[in-house]
Structures are given as structure tokens and as C-alpha cells.
Amino acid sequence: MAKSKTYTKEFKFKVAVEMLRGELTAAQIGSKFQVPSSVAARWKNELLDRGAAVFSNNLKQPPLISEAEIEQLHAAIGKLKVENDFLHKASARLRR
């Protein structure tokens, strides 16, 4: 059984915009981007249906990392910096 191919959102957008331009037929676009023309048509319809959301005021995306995780990472960085400084000084003493 063949594994279905996955495409990036950027690629889907590029194909959908090409479909909207109408300069090429769906079959030509499918051939150009190596996707079935029915898939390209579906992406075009999704862009038309949901494209208005780009201009909504609700586009603020949640942060990819929480404040607690940021604090935890800062603590780890601090600990590593202290260890690194200690080892740097210790190795300098050993080289004398």
C-alpha cells in the first residue's frame, strides 16, 4: 500500500494561488507541481473558504512555549553557565 504524500502549508498555498490566477489549467498546474489536479482544486477551495481568516483580529497565536518552560530553560542556562565558568577556571589552573 502506498504511503500518502504530505505537503507543507507553504507549498499548498503556492499551488492554490497558482490555481486562483487561472493562467494555467488545473491539469497543467497538477503536472507543474506534481500533485493531482483534484487536490490542487481542493486547496484552492480551502483558500477561498478560509482565506478571510487572515484578516481577522483573532489571529494572535498562542506562544509556542509557556512562561513556566521559559523560566525552567533560563534556570538551566544559568546552571550551565556557572558550571562552564567553574570548569574554565579549573582547567586554567591545571595548565599552569
C-alpha atoms as a PDB file:
ATOM      1  CA  MET A   1       0.000   0.000   0.000  1.00  0.00           C
ATOM      2  CA  ALA A   2       1.399   3.401  -0.985  1.00  0.00           C
ATOM      3  CA  LYS A   3       2.050   5.966   1.692  1.00  0.00           C
ATOM      4  CA  SER A   4       0.121   9.195   1.150  1.00  0.00           C
ATOM      5  CA  LYS A   5       2.304  12.189   0.444  1.00  0.00           C
ATOM      6  CA  THR A   6       2.261  15.161   2.795  1.00  0.00           C
ATOM      7  CA  TYR A   7       2.798  18.737   1.669  1.00  0.00           C
ATOM      8  CA  THR A   8       3.834  21.831   3.576  1.00  0.00           C
ATOM      9  CA  LYS A   9       1.353  24.630   4.105  1.00  0.00           C
ATOM     10  CA  GLU A  10       3.614  26.924   2.080  1.00  0.00           C
ATOM     11  CA  PHE A  11       3.524  24.535  -0.867  1.00  0.00           C
ATOM     12  CA  LYS A  12      -0.267  24.175  -0.646  1.00  0.00           C
ATOM     13  CA  PHE A  13      -0.642  27.956  -0.575  1.00  0.00           C
ATOM     14  CA  LYS A  14       1.632  28.339  -3.610  1.00  0.00           C
ATOM     15  CA  VAL A  15      -0.388  25.802  -5.605  1.00  0.00           C
ATOM     16  CA  ALA A  16      -3.713  27.330  -4.516  1.00  0.00           C
ATOM     17  CA  VAL A  17      -2.605  30.821  -5.551  1.00  0.00           C
ATOM     18  CA  GLU A  18      -1.466  29.450  -8.907  1.00  0.00           C
ATOM     19  CA  MET A  19      -4.923  27.919  -9.308  1.00  0.00           C
ATOM     20  CA  LEU A  20      -6.566  31.246  -8.477  1.00  0.00           C
ATOM     21  CA  ARG A  21      -4.510  33.085 -11.094  1.00  0.00           C
ATOM     22  CA  GLY A  22      -6.138  30.986 -13.776  1.00  0.00           C
ATOM     23  CA  GLU A  23      -3.201  31.285 -16.154  1.00  0.00           C
ATOM     24  CA  LEU A  24      -2.862  27.507 -16.392  1.00  0.00           C
ATOM     25  CA  THR A  25      -5.431  24.727 -16.368  1.00  0.00           C
ATOM     26  CA  ALA A  26      -5.806  22.511 -13.323  1.00  0.00           C
ATOM     27  CA  ALA A  27      -4.134  19.668 -15.205  1.00  0.00           C
ATOM     28  CA  GLN A  28      -1.177  21.884 -16.128  1.00  0.00           C
ATOM     29  CA  ILE A  29      -0.784  23.061 -12.536  1.00  0.00           C
ATOM     30  CA  GLY A  30      -1.018  19.487 -11.290  1.00  0.00           C
ATOM     31  CA  SER A  31       1.697  18.475 -13.721  1.00  0.00           C
ATOM     32  CA  LYS A  32       3.849  21.502 -12.879  1.00  0.00           C
ATOM     33  CA  PHE A  33       3.750  20.846  -9.112  1.00  0.00           C
ATOM     34  CA  GLN A  34       3.430  17.042  -9.291  1.00  0.00           C
ATOM     35  CA  VAL A  35       0.083  16.926  -7.474  1.00  0.00           C
ATOM     36  CA  PRO A  36      -3.276  15.602  -8.650  1.00  0.00           C
ATOM     37  CA  SER A  37      -5.405  18.348 -10.171  1.00  0.00           C
ATOM     38  CA  SER A  38      -8.275  17.405  -7.828  1.00  0.00           C
ATOM     39  CA  VAL A  39      -6.009  18.049  -4.831  1.00  0.00           C
ATOM     40  CA  ALA A  40      -4.936  21.414  -6.248  1.00  0.00           C
ATOM     41  CA  ALA A  41      -8.600  22.313  -6.760  1.00  0.00           C
ATOM     42  CA  ARG A  42      -9.397  21.328  -3.162  1.00  0.00           C
ATOM     43  CA  TRP A  43      -6.573  23.561  -1.869  1.00  0.00           C
ATOM     44  CA  LYS A  44      -7.891  26.434  -3.970  1.00  0.00           C
ATOM     45  CA  ASN A  45     -11.379  25.976  -2.489  1.00  0.00           C
ATOM     46  CA  GLU A  46      -9.960  25.842   1.042  1.00  0.00           C
ATOM     47  CA  LEU A  47      -8.091  29.080   0.406  1.00  0.00           C
ATOM     48  CA  LEU A  48     -11.254  30.728  -0.870  1.00  0.00           C
ATOM     49  CA  ASP A  49     -13.326  29.420   2.047  1.00  0.00           C
ATOM     50  CA  ARG A  50     -10.906  30.175   4.866  1.00  0.00           C
ATOM     51  CA  GLY A  51      -8.696  32.884   3.396  1.00  0.00           C
ATOM     52  CA  ALA A  52     -10.708  35.684   5.019  1.00  0.00           C
ATOM     53  CA  ALA A  53      -9.469  34.476   8.413  1.00  0.00           C
ATOM     54  CA  VAL A  54      -6.099  36.008   7.564  1.00  0.00           C
ATOM     55  CA  PHE A  55      -7.620  39.447   8.011  1.00  0.00           C
ATOM     56  CA  SER A  56      -9.485  38.734  11.236  1.00  0.00           C
ATOM     57  CA  ASN A  57      -8.385  40.262  14.511  1.00  0.00           C
ATOM     58  CA  ASN A  58      -8.273  36.844  16.168  1.00  0.00           C
ATOM     59  CA  LEU A  59      -5.021  35.757  14.564  1.00  0.00           C
ATOM     60  CA  LYS A  60      -2.953  36.143  17.714  1.00  0.00           C
ATOM     61  CA  GLN A  61      -1.440  32.706  18.101  1.00  0.00           C
ATOM     62  CA  PRO A  62      -0.653  31.231  21.470  1.00  0.00           C
ATOM     63  CA  PRO A  63       3.057  31.191  22.303  1.00  0.00           C
ATOM     64  CA  LEU A  64       4.885  28.034  21.317  1.00  0.00           C
ATOM     65  CA  ILE A  65       6.421  27.775  24.766  1.00  0.00           C
ATOM     66  CA  SER A  66       4.885  28.639  28.128  1.00  0.00           C
ATOM     67  CA  GLU A  67       6.268  31.107  30.645  1.00  0.00           C
ATOM     68  CA  ALA A  68       6.996  28.236  33.044  1.00  0.00           C
ATOM     69  CA  GLU A  69       9.055  26.476  30.386  1.00  0.00           C
ATOM     70  CA  ILE A  70      10.947  29.698  29.677  1.00  0.00           C
ATOM     71  CA  GLU A  71      11.757  30.072  33.383  1.00  0.00           C
ATOM     72  CA  GLN A  72      12.912  26.464  33.502  1.00  0.00           C
ATOM     73  CA  LEU A  73      15.173  26.999  30.488  1.00  0.00           C
ATOM     74  CA  HIS A  74      16.627  30.177  31.993  1.00  0.00           C
ATOM     75  CA  ALA A  75      17.433  28.272  35.174  1.00  0.00           C
ATOM     76  CA  ALA A  76      19.141  25.517  33.180  1.00  0.00           C
ATOM     77  CA  ILE A  77      21.146  28.092  31.222  1.00  0.00           C
ATOM     78  CA  GLY A  78      22.242  29.753  34.452  1.00  0.00           C
ATOM     79  CA  LYS A  79      23.319  26.442  35.956  1.00  0.00           C
ATOM     80  CA  LEU A  80      25.276  25.515  32.825  1.00  0.00           C
ATOM     81  CA  LYS A  81      26.960  28.918  32.767  1.00  0.00           C
ATOM     82  CA  VAL A  82      28.119  28.518  36.376  1.00  0.00           C
ATOM     83  CA  GLU A  83      29.438  25.020  35.618  1.00  0.00           C
ATOM     84  CA  ASN A  84      31.160  26.230  32.458  1.00  0.00           C
ATOM     85  CA  ASP A  85      32.839  29.121  34.273  1.00  0.00           C
ATOM     86  CA  PHE A  86      33.993  26.799  37.052  1.00  0.00           C
ATOM     87  CA  LEU A  87      35.451  24.281  34.603  1.00  0.00           C
ATOM     88  CA  HIS A  88      37.124  27.031  32.594  1.00  0.00           C
ATOM     89  CA  LYS A  89      38.853  28.391  35.720  1.00  0.00           C
ATOM     90  CA  ALA A  90      39.800  24.897  36.905  1.00  0.00           C
ATOM     91  CA  SER A  91      41.316  23.969  33.547  1.00  0.00           C
ATOM     92  CA  ALA A  92      43.289  27.243  33.516  1.00  0.00           C
ATOM     93  CA  ARG A  93      44.781  26.326  36.918  1.00  0.00           C
ATOM     94  CA  LEU A  94      45.733  22.856  35.677  1.00  0.00           C
ATOM     95  CA  ARG A  95      47.570  24.301  32.663  1.00  0.00           C
ATOM     96  CA  ARG A  96      49.912  26.336  34.885  1.00  0.00           C
END
